[in-house]
Amino acid sequence: MRDESALYKLPLPQPTPFEDGAHNRKYLIPPWVSPDIDIRPNLLTAVKRTDAPAKRNKAAQLTLQKLPKVELEVWTDGSAAGNVKGASAAAAYWKKERRVGYTSGGLVCSSFRTELRALLLGAEIARALKEEGAVKGEGVVFFTDSQSLLRFLEGGPRVVLYKEETVLWHELGRLHSLFKTVILQYVPAHCGLEKN
């Protein structure tokens, strides 16, 4: 057997810093601390992207009807073209009110990244509405057409993440402290849903 003592003398790897040094300390979430967020990457009735819009709409409507009734709904969407152009948007609906926010996709973006930014923007809007007292209810449902984002989030908070994923988990944790119910629900795109 070879002498392995030299391995113990190697310097320990340093954690990869985020874009700014303070970010690590402010937003790092240990993997064993997971906000109780209800993530639903599927509809109650399975549909495919290639199914007719009417079939996808019917499946989505059935799922929407079965969701708990909440005062606040947040619909999010992100879009990217050629990994260089993109935008994210979120629209919050409560009572007969609406608040909308937009952000760019950044210099280099992907569909996943713009969808993530849209959800983050929606979470920030929901938190602001609750903190301002505009929303009194105990629940919020987010709607996104990004199954890949929801499946990624099902894995829970991770220690080593890009800045935006970590900030999103931080925001979701803050929302969980403000609302008893936080649901992230998949809805299919381009099937005639009113708010999508």
N, C-alpha and C. Protein backbone atom coordinates (compact mmCIF):
# COMPACT_ATOMS: atom_id res chain seq x y z
N MET A 1 0.84 -1.19 0.00
CA MET A 1 0.00 0.00 0.00
C MET A 1 0.89 1.25 0.00
N ARG A 2 0.49 2.22 -0.82
CA ARG A 2 1.28 3.45 -0.91
C ARG A 2 1.03 4.34 0.30
N ASP A 3 1.98 5.22 0.53
CA ASP A 3 1.87 6.16 1.63
C ASP A 3 0.87 7.27 1.24
N GLU A 4 -0.21 7.39 2.00
CA GLU A 4 -1.25 8.38 1.70
C GLU A 4 -1.13 9.62 2.59
N SER A 5 -0.10 9.69 3.40
CA SER A 5 0.01 10.82 4.33
C SER A 5 0.11 12.16 3.61
N ALA A 6 0.65 12.15 2.39
CA ALA A 6 0.77 13.40 1.63
C ALA A 6 -0.60 13.98 1.30
N LEU A 7 -1.62 13.13 1.17
CA LEU A 7 -2.97 13.63 0.88
C LEU A 7 -3.49 14.54 1.99
N TYR A 8 -3.12 14.23 3.21
CA TYR A 8 -3.61 15.01 4.34
C TYR A 8 -2.92 16.36 4.47
N LYS A 9 -1.85 16.53 3.73
CA LYS A 9 -1.12 17.80 3.78
C LYS A 9 -1.58 18.77 2.69
N LEU A 10 -2.41 18.28 1.76
CA LEU A 10 -2.91 19.16 0.70
C LEU A 10 -3.85 20.20 1.28
N PRO A 11 -3.85 21.41 0.71
CA PRO A 11 -4.79 22.42 1.21
C PRO A 11 -6.23 22.01 0.87
N LEU A 12 -7.13 22.34 1.77
CA LEU A 12 -8.54 22.05 1.53
C LEU A 12 -9.06 22.98 0.44
N PRO A 13 -9.95 22.48 -0.43
CA PRO A 13 -10.51 23.36 -1.46
C PRO A 13 -11.35 24.45 -0.83
N GLN A 14 -11.23 25.62 -1.38
CA GLN A 14 -12.01 26.75 -0.89
C GLN A 14 -13.35 26.79 -1.62
N PRO A 15 -14.41 27.20 -0.91
CA PRO A 15 -15.70 27.29 -1.60
C PRO A 15 -15.64 28.30 -2.73
N THR A 16 -16.32 27.99 -3.82
CA THR A 16 -16.36 28.91 -4.95
C THR A 16 -17.23 30.10 -4.57
N PRO A 17 -16.70 31.30 -4.64
CA PRO A 17 -17.51 32.46 -4.26
C PRO A 17 -18.55 32.79 -5.32
N PHE A 18 -19.62 33.41 -4.88
CA PHE A 18 -20.61 33.92 -5.82
C PHE A 18 -20.06 35.21 -6.39
N GLU A 19 -20.89 35.92 -7.11
CA GLU A 19 -20.42 37.12 -7.79
C GLU A 19 -19.87 38.17 -6.83
N ASP A 20 -20.45 38.24 -5.65
CA ASP A 20 -19.92 39.17 -4.66
C ASP A 20 -19.73 38.40 -3.35
N GLY A 21 -18.71 38.75 -2.62
CA GLY A 21 -18.35 37.99 -1.42
C GLY A 21 -19.42 37.98 -0.35
N ALA A 22 -20.16 39.07 -0.18
CA ALA A 22 -21.18 39.12 0.87
C ALA A 22 -22.34 38.19 0.57
N HIS A 23 -22.50 37.84 -0.70
CA HIS A 23 -23.64 37.02 -1.08
C HIS A 23 -23.64 35.66 -0.38
N ASN A 24 -22.47 35.03 -0.26
CA ASN A 24 -22.39 33.73 0.40
C ASN A 24 -22.97 33.79 1.81
N ARG A 25 -22.56 34.76 2.56
CA ARG A 25 -23.00 34.84 3.95
C ARG A 25 -24.48 35.17 4.05
N LYS A 26 -25.00 35.94 3.13
CA LYS A 26 -26.38 36.40 3.25
C LYS A 26 -27.40 35.34 2.82
N TYR A 27 -27.09 34.55 1.80
CA TYR A 27 -28.12 33.71 1.21
C TYR A 27 -27.86 32.20 1.28
N LEU A 28 -26.71 31.77 1.79
CA LEU A 28 -26.42 30.35 1.79
C LEU A 28 -27.43 29.59 2.65
N ILE A 29 -28.04 28.57 2.08
CA ILE A 29 -29.06 27.79 2.78
C ILE A 29 -28.55 26.37 2.93
N PRO A 30 -28.41 25.88 4.17
CA PRO A 30 -27.96 24.50 4.33
C PRO A 30 -28.97 23.53 3.73
N PRO A 31 -28.52 22.40 3.19
CA PRO A 31 -29.44 21.48 2.53
C PRO A 31 -30.45 20.85 3.47
N TRP A 32 -30.20 20.84 4.76
CA TRP A 32 -31.14 20.23 5.70
C TRP A 32 -32.22 21.21 6.14
N VAL A 33 -32.12 22.47 5.74
CA VAL A 33 -33.14 23.47 6.03
C VAL A 33 -33.89 23.73 4.74
N SER A 34 -35.08 23.17 4.63
CA SER A 34 -35.84 23.31 3.39
C SER A 34 -37.20 23.90 3.72
N PRO A 35 -37.53 25.06 3.17
CA PRO A 35 -38.86 25.59 3.40
C PRO A 35 -39.91 24.61 2.88
N ASP A 36 -41.01 24.54 3.58
CA ASP A 36 -42.08 23.61 3.20
C ASP A 36 -42.89 24.23 2.05
N ILE A 37 -42.36 24.06 0.86
CA ILE A 37 -42.98 24.60 -0.35
C ILE A 37 -43.59 23.42 -1.11
N ASP A 38 -44.83 23.56 -1.53
CA ASP A 38 -45.52 22.50 -2.27
C ASP A 38 -45.24 22.69 -3.76
N ILE A 39 -44.37 21.86 -4.32
CA ILE A 39 -43.95 21.98 -5.71
C ILE A 39 -44.68 20.92 -6.53
N ARG A 40 -45.42 21.38 -7.55
CA ARG A 40 -46.24 20.49 -8.36
C ARG A 40 -45.87 20.63 -9.84
N PRO A 41 -44.94 19.79 -10.32
CA PRO A 41 -44.49 19.92 -11.70
C PRO A 41 -45.39 19.24 -12.73
N ASN A 42 -46.52 18.71 -12.31
CA ASN A 42 -47.43 18.01 -13.22
C ASN A 42 -48.86 18.49 -13.03
N LEU A 43 -49.68 18.23 -14.02
CA LEU A 43 -51.11 18.45 -13.92
C LEU A 43 -51.75 17.18 -13.34
N LEU A 44 -52.99 17.27 -12.91
CA LEU A 44 -53.69 16.08 -12.41
C LEU A 44 -53.91 15.06 -13.52
N THR A 45 -54.13 15.56 -14.74
CA THR A 45 -54.27 14.70 -15.91
C THR A 45 -53.05 14.94 -16.80
N ALA A 46 -52.35 13.87 -17.12
CA ALA A 46 -51.13 14.01 -17.92
C ALA A 46 -51.46 14.44 -19.35
N VAL A 47 -50.70 15.40 -19.84
CA VAL A 47 -50.80 15.83 -21.23
C VAL A 47 -49.40 16.01 -21.77
N LYS A 48 -49.29 15.99 -23.09
CA LYS A 48 -48.01 16.20 -23.76
C LYS A 48 -48.02 17.56 -24.45
N ARG A 49 -46.86 18.07 -24.70
CA ARG A 49 -46.73 19.35 -25.40
C ARG A 49 -47.36 19.30 -26.79
N THR A 50 -47.38 18.11 -27.37
CA THR A 50 -47.92 17.93 -28.72
C THR A 50 -49.44 17.74 -28.73
N ASP A 51 -50.06 17.61 -27.56
CA ASP A 51 -51.52 17.49 -27.52
C ASP A 51 -52.17 18.79 -27.98
N ALA A 52 -53.39 18.67 -28.44
CA ALA A 52 -54.13 19.85 -28.90
C ALA A 52 -54.28 20.85 -27.75
N PRO A 53 -54.25 22.16 -28.07
CA PRO A 53 -54.42 23.17 -27.02
C PRO A 53 -55.67 22.96 -26.18
N ALA A 54 -56.77 22.53 -26.80
CA ALA A 54 -58.01 22.32 -26.04
C ALA A 54 -57.84 21.23 -24.99
N LYS A 55 -57.13 20.17 -25.33
CA LYS A 55 -56.90 19.08 -24.37
C LYS A 55 -56.01 19.55 -23.23
N ARG A 56 -54.95 20.32 -23.56
CA ARG A 56 -54.07 20.84 -22.51
C ARG A 56 -54.81 21.84 -21.64
N ASN A 57 -55.67 22.66 -22.24
CA ASN A 57 -56.46 23.62 -21.49
C ASN A 57 -57.39 22.92 -20.51
N LYS A 58 -58.06 21.87 -20.98
CA LYS A 58 -58.99 21.13 -20.13
C LYS A 58 -58.26 20.52 -18.92
N ALA A 59 -57.09 19.92 -19.18
CA ALA A 59 -56.31 19.34 -18.09
C ALA A 59 -55.85 20.42 -17.11
N ALA A 60 -55.45 21.57 -17.63
CA ALA A 60 -55.02 22.67 -16.76
C ALA A 60 -56.20 23.20 -15.94
N GLN A 61 -57.35 23.37 -16.56
CA GLN A 61 -58.53 23.87 -15.84
C GLN A 61 -58.91 22.94 -14.70
N LEU A 62 -58.86 21.63 -14.94
CA LEU A 62 -59.16 20.65 -13.89
C LEU A 62 -58.19 20.80 -12.72
N THR A 63 -56.92 20.96 -13.03
CA THR A 63 -55.91 21.14 -11.98
C THR A 63 -56.16 22.43 -11.21
N LEU A 64 -56.46 23.51 -11.92
CA LEU A 64 -56.72 24.80 -11.26
C LEU A 64 -57.91 24.71 -10.32
N GLN A 65 -58.95 24.00 -10.73
CA GLN A 65 -60.15 23.85 -9.90
C GLN A 65 -59.87 23.12 -8.60
N LYS A 66 -58.90 22.21 -8.61
CA LYS A 66 -58.60 21.39 -7.43
C LYS A 66 -57.60 22.05 -6.47
N LEU A 67 -57.01 23.16 -6.88
CA LEU A 67 -56.06 23.84 -6.01
C LEU A 67 -56.79 24.50 -4.84
N PRO A 68 -56.12 24.65 -3.70
CA PRO A 68 -56.74 25.39 -2.60
C PRO A 68 -57.05 26.83 -3.02
N LYS A 69 -58.14 27.36 -2.54
CA LYS A 69 -58.50 28.75 -2.85
C LYS A 69 -57.61 29.68 -2.02
N VAL A 70 -56.92 30.57 -2.70
CA VAL A 70 -56.04 31.52 -2.04
C VAL A 70 -56.36 32.92 -2.55
N GLU A 71 -55.97 33.91 -1.77
CA GLU A 71 -56.20 35.30 -2.16
C GLU A 71 -55.24 35.75 -3.26
N LEU A 72 -54.02 35.22 -3.25
CA LEU A 72 -52.98 35.71 -4.15
C LEU A 72 -52.54 34.63 -5.14
N GLU A 73 -52.61 34.96 -6.42
CA GLU A 73 -52.07 34.13 -7.49
C GLU A 73 -50.97 34.92 -8.20
N VAL A 74 -49.87 34.23 -8.52
CA VAL A 74 -48.77 34.87 -9.24
C VAL A 74 -48.47 34.01 -10.47
N TRP A 75 -48.60 34.61 -11.64
CA TRP A 75 -48.32 33.93 -12.91
C TRP A 75 -46.99 34.45 -13.42
N THR A 76 -46.11 33.52 -13.77
CA THR A 76 -44.77 33.90 -14.22
C THR A 76 -44.48 33.33 -15.59
N ASP A 77 -43.58 34.00 -16.32
CA ASP A 77 -43.17 33.49 -17.62
C ASP A 77 -41.81 34.07 -17.98
N GLY A 78 -41.00 33.24 -18.61
CA GLY A 78 -39.69 33.67 -19.09
C GLY A 78 -39.52 33.20 -20.52
N SER A 79 -38.73 33.92 -21.27
CA SER A 79 -38.51 33.55 -22.66
C SER A 79 -37.09 33.93 -23.06
N ALA A 80 -36.48 33.06 -23.87
CA ALA A 80 -35.12 33.33 -24.34
C ALA A 80 -35.03 32.97 -25.82
N ALA A 81 -34.22 33.72 -26.54
CA ALA A 81 -34.01 33.44 -27.96
C ALA A 81 -32.50 33.46 -28.23
N GLY A 82 -31.98 32.34 -28.68
CA GLY A 82 -30.58 32.29 -29.05
C GLY A 82 -29.60 32.50 -27.93
N ASN A 83 -30.02 32.34 -26.69
CA ASN A 83 -29.17 32.49 -25.51
C ASN A 83 -28.56 33.88 -25.36
N VAL A 84 -29.07 34.85 -26.10
CA VAL A 84 -28.56 36.22 -25.96
C VAL A 84 -29.66 37.24 -25.70
N LYS A 85 -30.89 36.89 -25.97
CA LYS A 85 -32.00 37.81 -25.73
C LYS A 85 -33.00 37.08 -24.85
N GLY A 86 -33.57 37.78 -23.92
CA GLY A 86 -34.58 37.14 -23.09
C GLY A 86 -35.21 38.13 -22.14
N ALA A 87 -36.34 37.73 -21.59
CA ALA A 87 -37.05 38.57 -20.63
C ALA A 87 -37.83 37.67 -19.69
N SER A 88 -38.13 38.22 -18.53
CA SER A 88 -38.91 37.53 -17.52
C SER A 88 -40.01 38.47 -17.04
N ALA A 89 -41.16 37.87 -16.71
CA ALA A 89 -42.28 38.68 -16.23
C ALA A 89 -43.05 37.91 -15.17
N ALA A 90 -43.69 38.67 -14.29
CA ALA A 90 -44.55 38.09 -13.27
C ALA A 90 -45.73 39.02 -13.07
N ALA A 91 -46.91 38.43 -12.91
CA ALA A 91 -48.13 39.20 -12.66
C ALA A 91 -48.83 38.61 -11.44
N ALA A 92 -49.04 39.44 -10.44
CA ALA A 92 -49.71 39.02 -9.22
C ALA A 92 -51.15 39.52 -9.26
N TYR A 93 -52.08 38.63 -8.93
CA TYR A 93 -53.52 38.95 -8.92
C TYR A 93 -54.09 38.68 -7.54
N TRP A 94 -54.79 39.66 -6.99
CA TRP A 94 -55.49 39.48 -5.72
C TRP A 94 -56.69 40.41 -5.74
N LYS A 95 -57.76 39.97 -5.09
CA LYS A 95 -59.02 40.71 -5.13
C LYS A 95 -59.28 41.14 -6.57
N LYS A 96 -59.39 42.41 -6.82
CA LYS A 96 -59.54 42.89 -8.20
C LYS A 96 -58.33 43.71 -8.62
N GLU A 97 -57.21 43.42 -7.99
CA GLU A 97 -55.98 44.16 -8.22
C GLU A 97 -54.98 43.31 -9.00
N ARG A 98 -53.99 44.00 -9.56
CA ARG A 98 -52.92 43.31 -10.27
C ARG A 98 -51.64 44.14 -10.15
N ARG A 99 -50.51 43.46 -9.96
CA ARG A 99 -49.21 44.10 -9.99
C ARG A 99 -48.31 43.28 -10.92
N VAL A 100 -47.65 43.97 -11.85
CA VAL A 100 -46.83 43.30 -12.85
C VAL A 100 -45.40 43.79 -12.75
N GLY A 101 -44.46 42.86 -12.97
CA GLY A 101 -43.05 43.22 -12.99
C GLY A 101 -42.36 42.56 -14.16
N TYR A 102 -41.33 43.21 -14.68
CA TYR A 102 -40.56 42.69 -15.82
C TYR A 102 -39.08 42.84 -15.51
N THR A 103 -38.28 41.97 -16.10
CA THR A 103 -36.84 42.10 -16.01
C THR A 103 -36.21 41.49 -17.26
N SER A 104 -35.02 41.95 -17.60
CA SER A 104 -34.35 41.41 -18.79
C SER A 104 -33.76 40.04 -18.49
N GLY A 105 -33.44 39.33 -19.54
CA GLY A 105 -32.84 38.01 -19.39
C GLY A 105 -31.34 38.08 -19.13
N GLY A 106 -30.75 39.24 -19.24
CA GLY A 106 -29.32 39.37 -19.06
C GLY A 106 -28.57 39.25 -20.38
N LEU A 107 -27.26 39.38 -20.32
CA LEU A 107 -26.45 39.34 -21.54
C LEU A 107 -26.42 37.95 -22.16
N VAL A 108 -26.33 36.93 -21.32
CA VAL A 108 -26.38 35.55 -21.77
C VAL A 108 -27.47 34.88 -20.97
N CYS A 109 -28.41 34.26 -21.66
CA CYS A 109 -29.54 33.68 -20.92
C CYS A 109 -30.01 32.40 -21.59
N SER A 110 -30.83 31.68 -20.87
CA SER A 110 -31.46 30.47 -21.39
C SER A 110 -32.91 30.51 -20.97
N SER A 111 -33.70 29.64 -21.52
CA SER A 111 -35.10 29.57 -21.13
C SER A 111 -35.22 29.26 -19.63
N PHE A 112 -34.41 28.31 -19.15
CA PHE A 112 -34.42 27.97 -17.73
C PHE A 112 -34.12 29.19 -16.87
N ARG A 113 -33.08 29.94 -17.25
CA ARG A 113 -32.67 31.10 -16.46
C ARG A 113 -33.75 32.18 -16.45
N THR A 114 -34.40 32.43 -17.61
CA THR A 114 -35.44 33.47 -17.63
C THR A 114 -36.67 33.01 -16.84
N GLU A 115 -36.98 31.71 -16.88
CA GLU A 115 -38.10 31.20 -16.07
C GLU A 115 -37.78 31.34 -14.59
N LEU A 116 -36.54 31.05 -14.22
CA LEU A 116 -36.13 31.19 -12.83
C LEU A 116 -36.23 32.65 -12.39
N ARG A 117 -35.76 33.56 -13.25
CA ARG A 117 -35.84 34.99 -12.91
C ARG A 117 -37.30 35.44 -12.78
N ALA A 118 -38.18 34.89 -13.61
CA ALA A 118 -39.60 35.24 -13.53
C ALA A 118 -40.18 34.79 -12.19
N LEU A 119 -39.84 33.57 -11.77
CA LEU A 119 -40.33 33.07 -10.48
C LEU A 119 -39.77 33.89 -9.33
N LEU A 120 -38.50 34.24 -9.41
CA LEU A 120 -37.89 35.09 -8.39
C LEU A 120 -38.58 36.45 -8.33
N LEU A 121 -38.83 37.04 -9.47
CA LEU A 121 -39.54 38.31 -9.53
C LEU A 121 -40.93 38.18 -8.92
N GLY A 122 -41.63 37.10 -9.25
CA GLY A 122 -42.95 36.87 -8.67
C GLY A 122 -42.91 36.71 -7.17
N ALA A 123 -41.88 36.00 -6.67
CA ALA A 123 -41.74 35.82 -5.22
C ALA A 123 -41.49 37.16 -4.54
N GLU A 124 -40.68 38.02 -5.16
CA GLU A 124 -40.41 39.34 -4.59
C GLU A 124 -41.68 40.19 -4.56
N ILE A 125 -42.49 40.10 -5.61
CA ILE A 125 -43.75 40.85 -5.65
C ILE A 125 -44.70 40.34 -4.57
N ALA A 126 -44.82 39.01 -4.43
CA ALA A 126 -45.70 38.43 -3.42
C ALA A 126 -45.29 38.85 -2.02
N ARG A 127 -43.99 38.81 -1.76
CA ARG A 127 -43.50 39.23 -0.43
C ARG A 127 -43.82 40.69 -0.17
N ALA A 128 -43.58 41.54 -1.17
CA ALA A 128 -43.86 42.97 -1.00
C ALA A 128 -45.34 43.22 -0.73
N LEU A 129 -46.20 42.53 -1.45
CA LEU A 129 -47.65 42.70 -1.23
C LEU A 129 -48.05 42.30 0.17
N LYS A 130 -47.49 41.21 0.66
CA LYS A 130 -47.81 40.76 2.02
C LYS A 130 -47.26 41.73 3.06
N GLU A 131 -46.02 42.16 2.88
CA GLU A 131 -45.41 43.09 3.83
C GLU A 131 -46.09 44.45 3.83
N GLU A 132 -46.60 44.88 2.68
CA GLU A 132 -47.33 46.16 2.59
C GLU A 132 -48.72 46.06 3.18
N GLY A 133 -49.22 44.86 3.39
CA GLY A 133 -50.58 44.67 3.90
C GLY A 133 -51.63 44.66 2.80
N ALA A 134 -51.22 44.69 1.54
CA ALA A 134 -52.18 44.65 0.43
C ALA A 134 -52.86 43.29 0.35
N VAL A 135 -52.14 42.25 0.75
CA VAL A 135 -52.67 40.88 0.76
C VAL A 135 -52.75 40.42 2.21
N LYS A 136 -53.91 39.98 2.61
CA LYS A 136 -54.12 39.54 3.99
C LYS A 136 -54.15 38.02 4.10
N GLY A 137 -54.43 37.33 3.00
CA GLY A 137 -54.61 35.88 3.02
C GLY A 137 -53.37 35.11 3.43
N GLU A 138 -53.58 33.84 3.73
CA GLU A 138 -52.52 32.98 4.23
C GLU A 138 -51.91 32.07 3.16
N GLY A 139 -52.31 32.24 1.89
CA GLY A 139 -51.79 31.36 0.85
C GLY A 139 -51.45 32.10 -0.43
N VAL A 140 -50.50 31.51 -1.18
CA VAL A 140 -50.13 32.05 -2.48
C VAL A 140 -49.83 30.86 -3.40
N VAL A 141 -50.29 30.96 -4.63
CA VAL A 141 -50.00 29.94 -5.64
C VAL A 141 -49.28 30.64 -6.79
N PHE A 142 -48.14 30.05 -7.19
CA PHE A 142 -47.38 30.52 -8.34
C PHE A 142 -47.65 29.57 -9.49
N PHE A 143 -47.82 30.12 -10.68
CA PHE A 143 -48.03 29.31 -11.88
C PHE A 143 -46.89 29.57 -12.85
N THR A 144 -46.32 28.50 -13.37
CA THR A 144 -45.24 28.58 -14.35
C THR A 144 -45.41 27.49 -15.39
N ASP A 145 -44.97 27.77 -16.60
CA ASP A 145 -45.02 26.74 -17.64
C ASP A 145 -43.68 26.03 -17.78
N SER A 146 -42.81 26.18 -16.79
CA SER A 146 -41.49 25.55 -16.83
C SER A 146 -41.44 24.32 -15.91
N GLN A 147 -41.71 23.15 -16.49
CA GLN A 147 -41.58 21.92 -15.71
C GLN A 147 -40.14 21.69 -15.28
N SER A 148 -39.19 22.05 -16.14
CA SER A 148 -37.78 21.81 -15.78
C SER A 148 -37.39 22.61 -14.54
N LEU A 149 -37.87 23.83 -14.41
CA LEU A 149 -37.58 24.63 -13.22
C LEU A 149 -38.19 23.98 -11.98
N LEU A 150 -39.44 23.55 -12.08
CA LEU A 150 -40.08 22.94 -10.91
C LEU A 150 -39.42 21.62 -10.54
N ARG A 151 -39.02 20.85 -11.52
CA ARG A 151 -38.32 19.59 -11.21
C ARG A 151 -36.96 19.86 -10.57
N PHE A 152 -36.30 20.90 -11.02
CA PHE A 152 -35.04 21.30 -10.39
C PHE A 152 -35.29 21.69 -8.93
N LEU A 153 -36.33 22.47 -8.69
CA LEU A 153 -36.62 22.94 -7.33
C LEU A 153 -37.07 21.81 -6.41
N GLU A 154 -37.63 20.75 -6.99
CA GLU A 154 -38.03 19.60 -6.16
C GLU A 154 -36.83 19.03 -5.40
N GLY A 155 -35.63 19.22 -5.93
CA GLY A 155 -34.43 18.74 -5.25
C GLY A 155 -34.12 19.48 -3.97
N GLY A 156 -34.82 20.58 -3.71
CA GLY A 156 -34.61 21.35 -2.49
C GLY A 156 -33.42 22.29 -2.61
N PRO A 157 -33.20 23.10 -1.58
CA PRO A 157 -32.07 24.03 -1.59
C PRO A 157 -30.75 23.25 -1.64
N ARG A 158 -29.82 23.79 -2.35
CA ARG A 158 -28.50 23.18 -2.43
C ARG A 158 -27.46 24.18 -1.91
N VAL A 159 -26.39 23.67 -1.37
CA VAL A 159 -25.37 24.56 -0.84
C VAL A 159 -24.59 25.23 -1.97
N VAL A 160 -24.21 24.47 -2.98
CA VAL A 160 -23.42 25.03 -4.08
C VAL A 160 -24.36 25.30 -5.25
N LEU A 161 -24.70 26.55 -5.40
CA LEU A 161 -25.62 26.97 -6.45
C LEU A 161 -25.13 28.26 -7.07
N TYR A 162 -25.69 28.56 -8.21
CA TYR A 162 -25.48 29.88 -8.76
C TYR A 162 -26.24 30.88 -7.89
N LYS A 163 -25.88 32.11 -8.01
CA LYS A 163 -26.46 33.15 -7.17
C LYS A 163 -27.98 33.19 -7.25
N GLU A 164 -28.53 33.14 -8.44
CA GLU A 164 -29.99 33.30 -8.57
C GLU A 164 -30.78 32.16 -7.95
N GLU A 165 -30.29 30.92 -8.07
CA GLU A 165 -30.98 29.81 -7.45
C GLU A 165 -30.99 29.96 -5.92
N THR A 166 -29.88 30.40 -5.38
CA THR A 166 -29.78 30.60 -3.94
C THR A 166 -30.70 31.73 -3.49
N VAL A 167 -30.71 32.82 -4.24
CA VAL A 167 -31.60 33.94 -3.90
C VAL A 167 -33.06 33.50 -3.99
N LEU A 168 -33.40 32.69 -5.00
CA LEU A 168 -34.77 32.20 -5.12
C LEU A 168 -35.15 31.38 -3.90
N TRP A 169 -34.30 30.46 -3.45
CA TRP A 169 -34.62 29.67 -2.26
C TRP A 169 -34.75 30.57 -1.03
N HIS A 170 -33.92 31.59 -0.96
CA HIS A 170 -34.02 32.54 0.15
C HIS A 170 -35.40 33.23 0.12
N GLU A 171 -35.82 33.68 -1.05
CA GLU A 171 -37.13 34.33 -1.17
C GLU A 171 -38.27 33.36 -0.84
N LEU A 172 -38.15 32.11 -1.32
CA LEU A 172 -39.20 31.13 -1.01
C LEU A 172 -39.26 30.87 0.50
N GLY A 173 -38.12 30.84 1.15
CA GLY A 173 -38.10 30.69 2.60
C GLY A 173 -38.76 31.87 3.29
N ARG A 174 -38.50 33.07 2.80
CA ARG A 174 -39.15 34.26 3.38
C ARG A 174 -40.66 34.21 3.17
N LEU A 175 -41.07 33.76 1.96
CA LEU A 175 -42.51 33.63 1.70
C LEU A 175 -43.15 32.63 2.64
N HIS A 176 -42.45 31.54 2.88
CA HIS A 176 -43.00 30.51 3.76
C HIS A 176 -43.21 31.05 5.17
N SER A 177 -42.41 32.02 5.58
CA SER A 177 -42.60 32.62 6.90
C SER A 177 -43.78 33.60 6.91
N LEU A 178 -44.21 34.06 5.73
CA LEU A 178 -45.32 35.01 5.63
C LEU A 178 -46.65 34.35 5.30
N PHE A 179 -46.62 33.24 4.56
CA PHE A 179 -47.82 32.54 4.12
C PHE A 179 -47.80 31.11 4.66
N LYS A 180 -48.96 30.61 5.09
CA LYS A 180 -49.04 29.21 5.53
C LYS A 180 -48.92 28.25 4.36
N THR A 181 -49.44 28.66 3.21
CA THR A 181 -49.45 27.81 2.02
C THR A 181 -48.70 28.50 0.89
N VAL A 182 -47.68 27.82 0.36
CA VAL A 182 -46.95 28.31 -0.81
C VAL A 182 -46.89 27.14 -1.81
N ILE A 183 -47.54 27.33 -2.96
CA ILE A 183 -47.60 26.28 -3.97
C ILE A 183 -46.98 26.79 -5.26
N LEU A 184 -46.14 25.96 -5.87
CA LEU A 184 -45.59 26.24 -7.20
C LEU A 184 -46.21 25.22 -8.14
N GLN A 185 -47.07 25.67 -9.05
CA GLN A 185 -47.86 24.78 -9.90
C GLN A 185 -47.50 24.96 -11.37
N TYR A 186 -47.26 23.83 -12.03
CA TYR A 186 -47.04 23.83 -13.48
C TYR A 186 -48.36 24.02 -14.21
N VAL A 187 -48.33 24.83 -15.26
CA VAL A 187 -49.45 24.94 -16.21
C VAL A 187 -48.86 24.93 -17.62
N PRO A 188 -49.54 24.29 -18.56
CA PRO A 188 -49.00 24.25 -19.92
C PRO A 188 -49.09 25.61 -20.60
N ALA A 189 -48.12 25.88 -21.46
CA ALA A 189 -48.09 27.15 -22.21
C ALA A 189 -48.95 27.06 -23.45
N HIS A 190 -49.37 28.20 -23.91
CA HIS A 190 -50.04 28.35 -25.22
C HIS A 190 -51.25 27.43 -25.38
N CYS A 191 -52.10 27.41 -24.36
CA CYS A 191 -53.31 26.58 -24.49
C CYS A 191 -54.56 27.36 -24.11
N GLY A 192 -54.47 28.68 -24.10
CA GLY A 192 -55.65 29.50 -23.89
C GLY A 192 -56.00 29.79 -22.45
N LEU A 193 -55.09 29.57 -21.50
CA LEU A 193 -55.37 29.96 -20.12
C LEU A 193 -55.36 31.48 -20.02
N GLU A 194 -56.34 32.02 -19.37
CA GLU A 194 -56.55 33.48 -19.36
C GLU A 194 -55.34 34.27 -18.90
N LYS A 195 -54.71 33.88 -17.79
CA LYS A 195 -53.63 34.68 -17.23
C LYS A 195 -52.23 34.25 -17.68
N ASN A 196 -52.16 33.20 -18.46
CA ASN A 196 -50.85 32.71 -18.88
C ASN A 196 -50.45 33.38 -20.20
